[in-house]
Amino acid sequence: MASPSADPTLVPGERPSSISPSSTRTPRAALAELLAGNRRFVGGQPLHGHDVAAAAAASGDQRPHAVVVGCIDSRVPLEAVFDQTFGSMCVVRSGAHVLDQAVRGSIDFAVTVLGVPLVMVLGHERCGAVAATVRALQTGDRPGGGLGYLVDEIAPAVLDVGLDDPRVASAATRRHIIRTVAELAAREPLASAVADGSVEVVGAIYDLDSGRVDLLA
């Protein structure tokens, strides 16, 4: 495991807490900062305690370097997972990171108004919404209401994998992340920004047991 001193966003002798907003304004630098923060989190060496003094210090204009689109799962607190402080990242959460108009609009705001260069779609192992979708498709009993909407949106990933796959839920979780990344990157305004290299959309998965975030190809 890499130590915090090996953080690729830093110059020799620089402390991680001294990273300025302007130093993470490219997609690659923003991604490197998120992954470095996750290494600090996994290694038990977080920098940011989220105290009120830090909140006050970041209360002016915001210049976040990433927007993370994650699940509502209470076991995945995104600012802690990436060891990010106030003002460093935007968070959008829905069940199994399912996209709707509000989620898309929030991502678009982060990219077009706040100038965020990185969009990360973060799924996680043992996702309850994915498991509910697998059960619904296996039994033919589709839930009603808003949960039914989540099931409908996740179902294509499950069907891509196939219900006969012994690890269908785990494989479908990864497939759903990849499908979400592709959908975001293909629609405006992100599509143009991705094409010119100013924004990158990536997918990743969080391991509930280790706390590690791994990128998906």
Protein backbone atom coordinates (compact mmCIF):
# COMPACT_ATOMS: atom_id res chain seq x y z
CA MET A 1 0.00 0.00 0.00
CA ALA A 2 1.33 3.43 -0.91
CA SER A 3 2.09 5.82 1.91
CA PRO A 4 0.67 9.36 2.02
CA SER A 5 4.12 10.69 1.11
CA ALA A 6 3.83 8.90 -2.23
CA ASP A 7 0.79 10.95 -3.19
CA PRO A 8 1.17 11.69 -6.95
CA THR A 9 -0.50 15.08 -6.59
CA LEU A 10 2.30 16.42 -4.41
CA VAL A 11 5.70 17.91 -5.12
CA PRO A 12 8.65 16.74 -2.96
CA GLY A 13 8.41 18.13 0.58
CA GLU A 14 4.79 19.27 0.25
CA ARG A 15 2.27 18.12 2.83
CA PRO A 16 -1.07 16.69 1.55
CA SER A 17 -3.07 19.27 3.51
CA SER A 18 -1.39 22.08 1.57
CA ILE A 19 -2.91 21.07 -1.78
CA SER A 20 -4.53 24.14 -3.30
CA PRO A 21 -7.80 24.02 -5.26
CA SER A 22 -5.99 25.10 -8.43
CA SER A 23 -3.64 22.11 -8.26
CA THR A 24 -6.48 19.64 -8.83
CA ARG A 25 -8.27 21.33 -11.71
CA THR A 26 -7.47 18.65 -14.29
CA PRO A 27 -9.27 15.28 -14.46
CA ARG A 28 -6.11 13.28 -13.76
CA ALA A 29 -5.02 15.41 -10.81
CA ALA A 30 -8.51 15.31 -9.32
CA LEU A 31 -8.62 11.52 -9.65
CA ALA A 32 -5.16 11.21 -8.11
CA GLU A 33 -6.27 13.29 -5.11
CA LEU A 34 -9.37 11.13 -4.54
CA LEU A 35 -7.35 7.90 -4.73
CA ALA A 36 -4.63 9.33 -2.46
CA GLY A 37 -7.33 10.25 0.06
CA ASN A 38 -8.73 6.72 -0.12
CA ARG A 39 -5.25 5.33 0.59
CA ARG A 40 -5.03 7.57 3.67
CA PHE A 41 -8.48 6.36 4.75
CA VAL A 42 -7.62 2.67 4.27
CA GLY A 43 -4.28 3.15 6.00
CA GLY A 44 -5.85 4.77 9.05
CA GLN A 45 -4.14 8.12 8.42
CA PRO A 46 -6.93 10.55 7.44
CA LEU A 47 -6.07 14.23 7.40
CA HIS A 48 -9.51 15.79 7.67
CA GLY A 49 -11.57 15.64 10.84
CA HIS A 50 -14.50 17.67 9.51
CA ASP A 51 -14.54 20.08 12.42
CA VAL A 52 -16.38 23.38 12.45
CA ALA A 53 -13.18 25.40 11.94
CA ALA A 54 -12.62 23.64 8.62
CA ALA A 55 -16.23 24.34 7.64
CA ALA A 56 -15.81 28.05 8.37
CA ALA A 57 -12.53 28.18 6.45
CA ALA A 58 -14.25 26.80 3.34
CA SER A 59 -17.40 28.93 3.59
CA GLY A 60 -16.45 31.33 0.78
CA ASP A 61 -16.46 30.53 -2.93
CA GLN A 62 -16.30 26.82 -3.60
CA ARG A 63 -13.90 25.23 -6.09
CA PRO A 64 -14.39 21.47 -5.76
CA HIS A 65 -12.23 19.22 -7.91
CA ALA A 66 -14.63 16.28 -8.25
CA VAL A 67 -18.25 15.21 -8.11
CA VAL A 68 -18.81 11.69 -6.79
CA VAL A 69 -22.06 9.99 -7.72
CA GLY A 70 -22.70 7.29 -5.15
CA CYS A 71 -25.26 5.08 -3.48
CA ILE A 72 -27.26 6.09 -0.42
CA ASP A 73 -25.82 3.16 1.56
CA SER A 74 -25.06 4.31 5.12
CA ARG A 75 -21.85 2.26 5.16
CA VAL A 76 -20.27 4.39 2.42
CA PRO A 77 -19.77 7.99 3.69
CA LEU A 78 -18.11 9.46 0.64
CA GLU A 79 -16.17 12.38 2.13
CA ALA A 80 -14.65 9.98 4.67
CA VAL A 81 -13.91 7.27 2.09
CA PHE A 82 -11.86 9.76 0.08
CA ASP A 83 -10.57 11.72 3.09
CA GLN A 84 -11.73 15.01 1.59
CA THR A 85 -12.40 18.20 3.50
CA PHE A 86 -15.08 20.88 3.15
CA GLY A 87 -15.26 22.39 -0.33
CA SER A 88 -13.16 19.74 -2.07
CA MET A 89 -15.85 17.56 -3.66
CA CYS A 90 -19.54 17.51 -4.52
CA VAL A 91 -21.60 14.46 -3.63
CA VAL A 92 -24.73 13.21 -5.37
CA ARG A 93 -26.38 10.09 -3.94
CA SER A 94 -29.26 7.87 -4.97
CA GLY A 95 -30.06 4.18 -4.58
CA ALA A 96 -27.36 2.31 -6.54
CA HIS A 97 -26.36 5.68 -8.07
CA VAL A 98 -29.41 5.50 -10.36
CA LEU A 99 -29.71 8.53 -12.63
CA ASP A 100 -32.83 10.68 -12.75
CA GLN A 101 -33.36 14.30 -13.74
CA ALA A 102 -32.35 15.64 -10.34
CA VAL A 103 -29.15 13.60 -10.26
CA ARG A 104 -28.25 14.52 -13.84
CA GLY A 105 -28.98 18.18 -13.18
CA SER A 106 -26.80 18.15 -10.07
CA ILE A 107 -23.89 16.64 -12.00
CA ASP A 108 -24.36 19.15 -14.81
CA PHE A 109 -24.31 22.00 -12.27
CA ALA A 110 -21.06 20.75 -10.76
CA VAL A 111 -19.40 20.52 -14.17
CA THR A 112 -20.75 23.61 -15.93
CA VAL A 113 -21.10 26.09 -13.04
CA LEU A 114 -18.45 24.94 -10.57
CA GLY A 115 -15.99 23.78 -13.22
CA VAL A 116 -15.45 20.31 -11.73
CA PRO A 117 -13.07 18.31 -14.00
CA LEU A 118 -13.86 14.81 -12.69
CA VAL A 119 -17.08 12.83 -12.36
CA MET A 120 -16.73 9.54 -10.48
CA VAL A 121 -19.51 6.94 -10.36
CA LEU A 122 -18.89 4.90 -7.21
CA GLY A 123 -20.75 1.66 -6.61
CA HIS A 124 -20.11 -0.77 -3.77
CA GLU A 125 -20.19 -4.46 -2.99
CA ARG A 126 -23.35 -6.03 -1.53
CA CYS A 127 -25.58 -3.22 -2.80
CA GLY A 128 -29.12 -3.66 -1.52
CA ALA A 129 -30.74 -2.02 -4.54
CA VAL A 130 -28.93 -4.38 -6.90
CA ALA A 131 -29.90 -7.36 -4.74
CA ALA A 132 -33.55 -6.20 -4.79
CA THR A 133 -33.40 -5.99 -8.58
CA VAL A 134 -32.00 -9.52 -8.86
CA ARG A 135 -34.79 -10.83 -6.61
CA ALA A 136 -37.46 -8.97 -8.58
CA LEU A 137 -36.25 -10.40 -11.88
CA GLN A 138 -35.87 -13.92 -10.48
CA THR A 139 -39.33 -13.97 -8.91
CA GLY A 140 -41.19 -11.77 -11.36
CA ASP A 141 -42.46 -9.69 -8.43
CA ARG A 142 -41.64 -6.07 -9.29
CA PRO A 143 -41.98 -3.70 -6.31
CA GLY A 144 -44.14 -0.63 -6.64
CA GLY A 145 -43.46 3.04 -6.12
CA GLY A 146 -40.02 4.56 -6.22
CA LEU A 147 -38.29 1.26 -5.53
CA GLY A 148 -39.83 -0.05 -8.72
CA TYR A 149 -38.14 2.80 -10.59
CA LEU A 150 -34.76 1.80 -9.15
CA VAL A 151 -35.36 -1.81 -10.15
CA ASP A 152 -36.27 -0.80 -13.70
CA GLU A 153 -33.11 1.29 -14.02
CA ILE A 154 -30.79 -1.40 -12.63
CA ALA A 155 -32.45 -4.32 -14.46
CA PRO A 156 -30.55 -3.87 -17.79
CA ALA A 157 -27.22 -4.44 -15.97
CA VAL A 158 -28.56 -7.60 -14.31
CA LEU A 159 -29.89 -8.92 -17.62
CA ASP A 160 -26.55 -8.14 -19.30
CA VAL A 161 -24.90 -10.46 -16.79
CA GLY A 162 -27.63 -13.10 -16.81
CA LEU A 163 -29.69 -14.47 -13.93
CA ASP A 164 -27.97 -17.84 -14.18
CA ASP A 165 -24.59 -16.36 -13.26
CA PRO A 166 -23.70 -17.61 -9.74
CA ARG A 167 -22.29 -14.16 -8.85
CA VAL A 168 -24.99 -12.18 -10.61
CA ALA A 169 -25.34 -9.44 -7.97
CA SER A 170 -21.61 -8.70 -7.79
CA ALA A 171 -21.16 -8.80 -11.57
CA ALA A 172 -24.31 -6.73 -12.14
CA THR A 173 -23.05 -4.08 -9.69
CA ARG A 174 -19.93 -3.61 -11.81
CA ARG A 175 -21.92 -3.67 -15.02
CA HIS A 176 -24.31 -1.05 -13.65
CA ILE A 177 -21.39 1.24 -12.79
CA ILE A 178 -19.98 0.90 -16.31
CA ARG A 179 -23.39 1.56 -17.87
CA THR A 180 -23.87 4.66 -15.71
CA VAL A 181 -20.44 6.02 -16.71
CA ALA A 182 -21.24 5.47 -20.39
CA GLU A 183 -24.64 7.14 -20.09
CA LEU A 184 -23.21 10.22 -18.39
CA ALA A 185 -20.30 10.57 -20.81
CA ALA A 186 -22.58 10.30 -23.85
CA ARG A 187 -24.99 13.14 -23.05
CA GLU A 188 -24.51 16.88 -23.12
CA PRO A 189 -23.05 18.89 -21.55
CA LEU A 190 -20.61 16.22 -20.41
CA ALA A 191 -20.11 14.71 -23.87
CA SER A 192 -18.45 17.82 -25.29
CA ALA A 193 -16.31 18.31 -22.19
CA VAL A 194 -15.19 14.67 -22.29
CA ALA A 195 -14.38 14.99 -25.99
CA ASP A 196 -12.11 18.00 -25.46
CA GLY A 197 -10.41 16.43 -22.43
CA SER A 198 -11.51 18.99 -19.84
CA VAL A 199 -13.70 16.48 -17.98
CA GLU A 200 -13.30 12.78 -17.32
CA VAL A 201 -16.01 10.36 -16.20
CA VAL A 202 -14.73 7.28 -14.38
CA GLY A 203 -16.25 4.30 -12.59
CA ALA A 204 -15.06 2.74 -9.35
CA ILE A 205 -16.20 0.25 -6.73
CA TYR A 206 -15.91 0.39 -2.94
CA ASP A 207 -15.10 -2.68 -0.88
CA LEU A 208 -17.16 -2.62 2.33
CA ASP A 209 -14.71 -4.85 4.19
CA SER A 210 -11.38 -3.18 3.36
CA GLY A 211 -12.51 0.40 2.62
CA ARG A 212 -10.56 0.30 -0.66
CA VAL A 213 -11.75 2.00 -3.85
CA ASP A 214 -10.74 0.35 -7.12
CA LEU A 215 -11.18 1.89 -10.55
CA LEU A 216 -13.08 -0.07 -13.18
CA ALA A 217 -11.82 -0.19 -16.75
